[in-house]
Every structure is written in C-alpha cells, then in structure tokens.
Amino acid sequence: MAALPLKLHLALASLVVVWLATAVVSMIGGEGEALLARAGVAAGWHAPLIAAGDALDAVLGLALWRWHRRWIYILCALNMIVMTLVATVLLPDLWLDPLGRLLKNLPIATLLYLLHEDAPA
C-alpha cells in the first residue's frame, strides 16, 4: 500500500473505517433489527442476518486494510450493490433518509472504482 498516492491512501482509509465501523455499530446499535422488522422480515431471521452482515462487513474492512487488490474492491462493490438493491426493494424510503443511508453508497462506489483502477490485478 506504500505506493499509493496520499489521496488514494485517504480514500482507502475512509472506506476501511466505513466497513469496520458499520460492523461494530450494527453489532451494538440495534438499528438493524428495527429496520428488518420494518421491512417485514420474520423476527427469527433478525439475529442471523445481522450477524452475517456484521461478519461480512468486518471481513471486507479488514481485507481493504490489508490488501490493495482489484478483487477486494469488486467484492466490496458487489456487497454494496446487493445490500442497496435489497434495501431499495424492502425499504425504498431509505433513499430519502436525511443521514443518507443509501445515498452514501454513490460516493463509496466512486472511491471503490478509483481504487480499483489503481490496484494491481
């Protein structure tokens, strides 16, 4: 990662924080359960879905931190796209959330693209 220009180091660091903080906040915040309930997901699925999402976010955050490789940026983008599509179908009003729950994915996608273009295969 030492060969990255400063602006890409900052972009990468911000994405690492987003993925790792999302995993931690989701574990302790309880908001995920409220969103799943609002989306009509059966209560028995809440804990396993949240745990799987937390684990995936943590793994992707650690992978971003460790490796500057295209495949990682592709995995992160695929995760983000799938989660965005699911959220759009189940809770489309999240696009209007004043804190940008789904809108934040647009600049994240841009950062992933820029890092992907810079990374070795």
C-alpha atoms as a PDB file:
ATOM      1  CA  MET A   1       0.000   0.000   0.000  1.00  0.00           C
ATOM      2  CA  ALA A   2       3.022   2.305   0.316  1.00  0.00           C
ATOM      3  CA  ALA A   3       2.966   3.034  -3.427  1.00  0.00           C
ATOM      4  CA  LEU A   4      -0.459   4.662  -3.218  1.00  0.00           C
ATOM      5  CA  PRO A   5      -0.638   8.439  -3.614  1.00  0.00           C
ATOM      6  CA  LEU A   6      -1.824  10.277  -0.492  1.00  0.00           C
ATOM      7  CA  LYS A   7      -5.295  10.967  -1.906  1.00  0.00           C
ATOM      8  CA  LEU A   8      -5.846   7.251  -2.528  1.00  0.00           C
ATOM      9  CA  HIS A   9      -4.489   6.398   0.939  1.00  0.00           C
ATOM     10  CA  LEU A  10      -7.101   8.759   2.384  1.00  0.00           C
ATOM     11  CA  ALA A  11      -9.847   7.265   0.210  1.00  0.00           C
ATOM     12  CA  LEU A  12      -8.862   3.764   1.252  1.00  0.00           C
ATOM     13  CA  ALA A  13      -8.615   4.696   4.933  1.00  0.00           C
ATOM     14  CA  SER A  14     -12.099   6.211   4.828  1.00  0.00           C
ATOM     15  CA  LEU A  15     -13.513   3.022   3.300  1.00  0.00           C
ATOM     16  CA  VAL A  16     -11.792   0.853   5.911  1.00  0.00           C
ATOM     17  CA  VAL A  17     -13.380   2.983   8.631  1.00  0.00           C
ATOM     18  CA  VAL A  18     -16.802   2.783   6.964  1.00  0.00           C
ATOM     19  CA  TRP A  19     -16.737  -1.016   6.676  1.00  0.00           C
ATOM     20  CA  LEU A  20     -15.283  -1.700  10.137  1.00  0.00           C
ATOM     21  CA  ALA A  21     -17.418   0.905  11.904  1.00  0.00           C
ATOM     22  CA  THR A  22     -20.527  -0.403  10.170  1.00  0.00           C
ATOM     23  CA  ALA A  23     -19.797  -3.882  11.512  1.00  0.00           C
ATOM     24  CA  VAL A  24     -19.260  -2.617  15.070  1.00  0.00           C
ATOM     25  CA  VAL A  25     -22.172  -0.171  15.121  1.00  0.00           C
ATOM     26  CA  SER A  26     -24.506  -2.794  13.717  1.00  0.00           C
ATOM     27  CA  MET A  27     -23.468  -5.230  16.452  1.00  0.00           C
ATOM     28  CA  ILE A  28     -24.148  -2.823  19.296  1.00  0.00           C
ATOM     29  CA  GLY A  29     -26.693  -0.364  17.908  1.00  0.00           C
ATOM     30  CA  GLY A  30     -29.885  -2.357  17.429  1.00  0.00           C
ATOM     31  CA  GLU A  31     -30.925  -0.318  14.390  1.00  0.00           C
ATOM     32  CA  GLY A  32     -30.565  -3.337  12.099  1.00  0.00           C
ATOM     33  CA  GLU A  33     -33.243  -5.235  13.993  1.00  0.00           C
ATOM     34  CA  ALA A  34     -35.618  -2.281  13.755  1.00  0.00           C
ATOM     35  CA  LEU A  35     -35.023  -1.990  10.012  1.00  0.00           C
ATOM     36  CA  LEU A  36     -35.560  -5.713   9.454  1.00  0.00           C
ATOM     37  CA  ALA A  37     -38.783  -5.609  11.474  1.00  0.00           C
ATOM     38  CA  ARG A  38     -39.974  -2.588   9.495  1.00  0.00           C
ATOM     39  CA  ALA A  39     -39.173  -4.464   6.270  1.00  0.00           C
ATOM     40  CA  GLY A  40     -41.368  -7.356   7.398  1.00  0.00           C
ATOM     41  CA  VAL A  41     -38.565  -9.876   7.946  1.00  0.00           C
ATOM     42  CA  ALA A  42     -39.576 -12.582  10.444  1.00  0.00           C
ATOM     43  CA  ALA A  43     -38.058 -11.981  13.885  1.00  0.00           C
ATOM     44  CA  GLY A  44     -36.291 -15.358  13.868  1.00  0.00           C
ATOM     45  CA  TRP A  45     -34.152 -14.199  10.949  1.00  0.00           C
ATOM     46  CA  HIS A  46     -33.007 -10.920  12.528  1.00  0.00           C
ATOM     47  CA  ALA A  47     -30.059 -12.210  14.581  1.00  0.00           C
ATOM     48  CA  PRO A  48     -28.601 -14.496  11.873  1.00  0.00           C
ATOM     49  CA  LEU A  49     -28.935 -11.834   9.165  1.00  0.00           C
ATOM     50  CA  ILE A  50     -27.363  -9.157  11.341  1.00  0.00           C
ATOM     51  CA  ALA A  51     -24.526 -11.471  12.420  1.00  0.00           C
ATOM     52  CA  ALA A  52     -23.832 -12.440   8.793  1.00  0.00           C
ATOM     53  CA  GLY A  53     -23.856  -8.798   7.706  1.00  0.00           C
ATOM     54  CA  ASP A  54     -21.568  -7.792  10.577  1.00  0.00           C
ATOM     55  CA  ALA A  55     -19.142 -10.598   9.772  1.00  0.00           C
ATOM     56  CA  LEU A  56     -19.097  -9.722   6.076  1.00  0.00           C
ATOM     57  CA  ASP A  57     -18.530  -6.030   6.805  1.00  0.00           C
ATOM     58  CA  ALA A  58     -15.695  -6.865   9.218  1.00  0.00           C
ATOM     59  CA  VAL A  59     -14.018  -9.232   6.744  1.00  0.00           C
ATOM     60  CA  LEU A  60     -14.297  -6.709   3.907  1.00  0.00           C
ATOM     61  CA  GLY A  61     -12.995  -3.902   6.131  1.00  0.00           C
ATOM     62  CA  LEU A  62     -10.000  -5.980   7.169  1.00  0.00           C
ATOM     63  CA  ALA A  63      -9.368  -7.041   3.560  1.00  0.00           C
ATOM     64  CA  LEU A  64      -9.448  -3.395   2.460  1.00  0.00           C
ATOM     65  CA  TRP A  65      -6.972  -2.562   5.219  1.00  0.00           C
ATOM     66  CA  ARG A  66      -4.646  -5.425   4.308  1.00  0.00           C
ATOM     67  CA  TRP A  67      -4.618  -5.628   0.502  1.00  0.00           C
ATOM     68  CA  HIS A  68      -4.774  -3.152  -2.377  1.00  0.00           C
ATOM     69  CA  ARG A  69      -6.143  -5.545  -4.986  1.00  0.00           C
ATOM     70  CA  ARG A  70      -8.872  -5.239  -7.580  1.00  0.00           C
ATOM     71  CA  TRP A  71     -10.738  -8.326  -6.401  1.00  0.00           C
ATOM     72  CA  ILE A  72     -11.287  -6.741  -2.981  1.00  0.00           C
ATOM     73  CA  TYR A  73     -12.792  -3.606  -4.482  1.00  0.00           C
ATOM     74  CA  ILE A  74     -15.025  -5.779  -6.671  1.00  0.00           C
ATOM     75  CA  LEU A  75     -16.214  -7.768  -3.625  1.00  0.00           C
ATOM     76  CA  CYS A  76     -16.913  -4.562  -1.716  1.00  0.00           C
ATOM     77  CA  ALA A  77     -18.826  -3.128  -4.670  1.00  0.00           C
ATOM     78  CA  LEU A  78     -20.857  -6.314  -5.103  1.00  0.00           C
ATOM     79  CA  ASN A  79     -21.694  -6.332  -1.389  1.00  0.00           C
ATOM     80  CA  MET A  80     -22.750  -2.702  -1.537  1.00  0.00           C
ATOM     81  CA  ILE A  81     -24.830  -3.203  -4.703  1.00  0.00           C
ATOM     82  CA  VAL A  82     -26.655  -6.232  -3.300  1.00  0.00           C
ATOM     83  CA  MET A  83     -27.346  -4.510   0.029  1.00  0.00           C
ATOM     84  CA  THR A  84     -28.512  -1.364  -1.767  1.00  0.00           C
ATOM     85  CA  LEU A  85     -30.841  -3.323  -4.050  1.00  0.00           C
ATOM     86  CA  VAL A  86     -32.306  -5.292  -1.131  1.00  0.00           C
ATOM     87  CA  ALA A  87     -32.800  -2.107   0.885  1.00  0.00           C
ATOM     88  CA  THR A  88     -34.350  -0.379  -2.138  1.00  0.00           C
ATOM     89  CA  VAL A  89     -36.880  -3.175  -2.566  1.00  0.00           C
ATOM     90  CA  LEU A  90     -37.704  -3.603   1.125  1.00  0.00           C
ATOM     91  CA  LEU A  91     -37.388  -0.017   2.377  1.00  0.00           C
ATOM     92  CA  PRO A  92     -37.253   2.415  -0.570  1.00  0.00           C
ATOM     93  CA  ASP A  93     -37.795   5.375   1.771  1.00  0.00           C
ATOM     94  CA  LEU A  94     -34.187   4.946   2.941  1.00  0.00           C
ATOM     95  CA  TRP A  95     -33.206   6.881  -0.204  1.00  0.00           C
ATOM     96  CA  LEU A  96     -34.852   9.915   1.413  1.00  0.00           C
ATOM     97  CA  ASP A  97     -33.187   9.460   4.798  1.00  0.00           C
ATOM     98  CA  PRO A  98     -31.627  12.791   5.867  1.00  0.00           C
ATOM     99  CA  LEU A  99     -28.476  10.970   7.014  1.00  0.00           C
ATOM    100  CA  GLY A 100     -28.031   9.420   3.576  1.00  0.00           C
ATOM    101  CA  ARG A 101     -28.283   5.731   4.469  1.00  0.00           C
ATOM    102  CA  LEU A 102     -28.395   4.761   0.802  1.00  0.00           C
ATOM    103  CA  LEU A 103     -27.176   7.960  -0.843  1.00  0.00           C
ATOM    104  CA  LYS A 104     -23.754   7.499   0.781  1.00  0.00           C
ATOM    105  CA  ASN A 105     -23.280   4.481  -1.449  1.00  0.00           C
ATOM    106  CA  LEU A 106     -22.835   6.704  -4.509  1.00  0.00           C
ATOM    107  CA  PRO A 107     -19.554   8.315  -3.324  1.00  0.00           C
ATOM    108  CA  ILE A 108     -18.462   4.978  -1.853  1.00  0.00           C
ATOM    109  CA  ALA A 109     -18.918   3.404  -5.289  1.00  0.00           C
ATOM    110  CA  THR A 110     -16.809   6.180  -6.802  1.00  0.00           C
ATOM    111  CA  LEU A 111     -13.996   5.611  -4.285  1.00  0.00           C
ATOM    112  CA  LEU A 112     -14.108   1.860  -4.916  1.00  0.00           C
ATOM    113  CA  TYR A 113     -13.868   2.495  -8.666  1.00  0.00           C
ATOM    114  CA  LEU A 114     -10.888   4.852  -8.297  1.00  0.00           C
ATOM    115  CA  LEU A 115      -9.059   2.414  -6.033  1.00  0.00           C
ATOM    116  CA  HIS A 116      -9.908  -0.499  -8.320  1.00  0.00           C
ATOM    117  CA  GLU A 117      -8.403   1.336 -11.296  1.00  0.00           C
ATOM    118  CA  ASP A 118      -5.183   1.983  -9.372  1.00  0.00           C
ATOM    119  CA  ALA A 119      -4.815  -1.515  -7.918  1.00  0.00           C
ATOM    120  CA  PRO A 120      -2.837  -4.364  -9.417  1.00  0.00           C
ATOM    121  CA  ALA A 121      -4.831  -7.386 -10.538  1.00  0.00           C
END
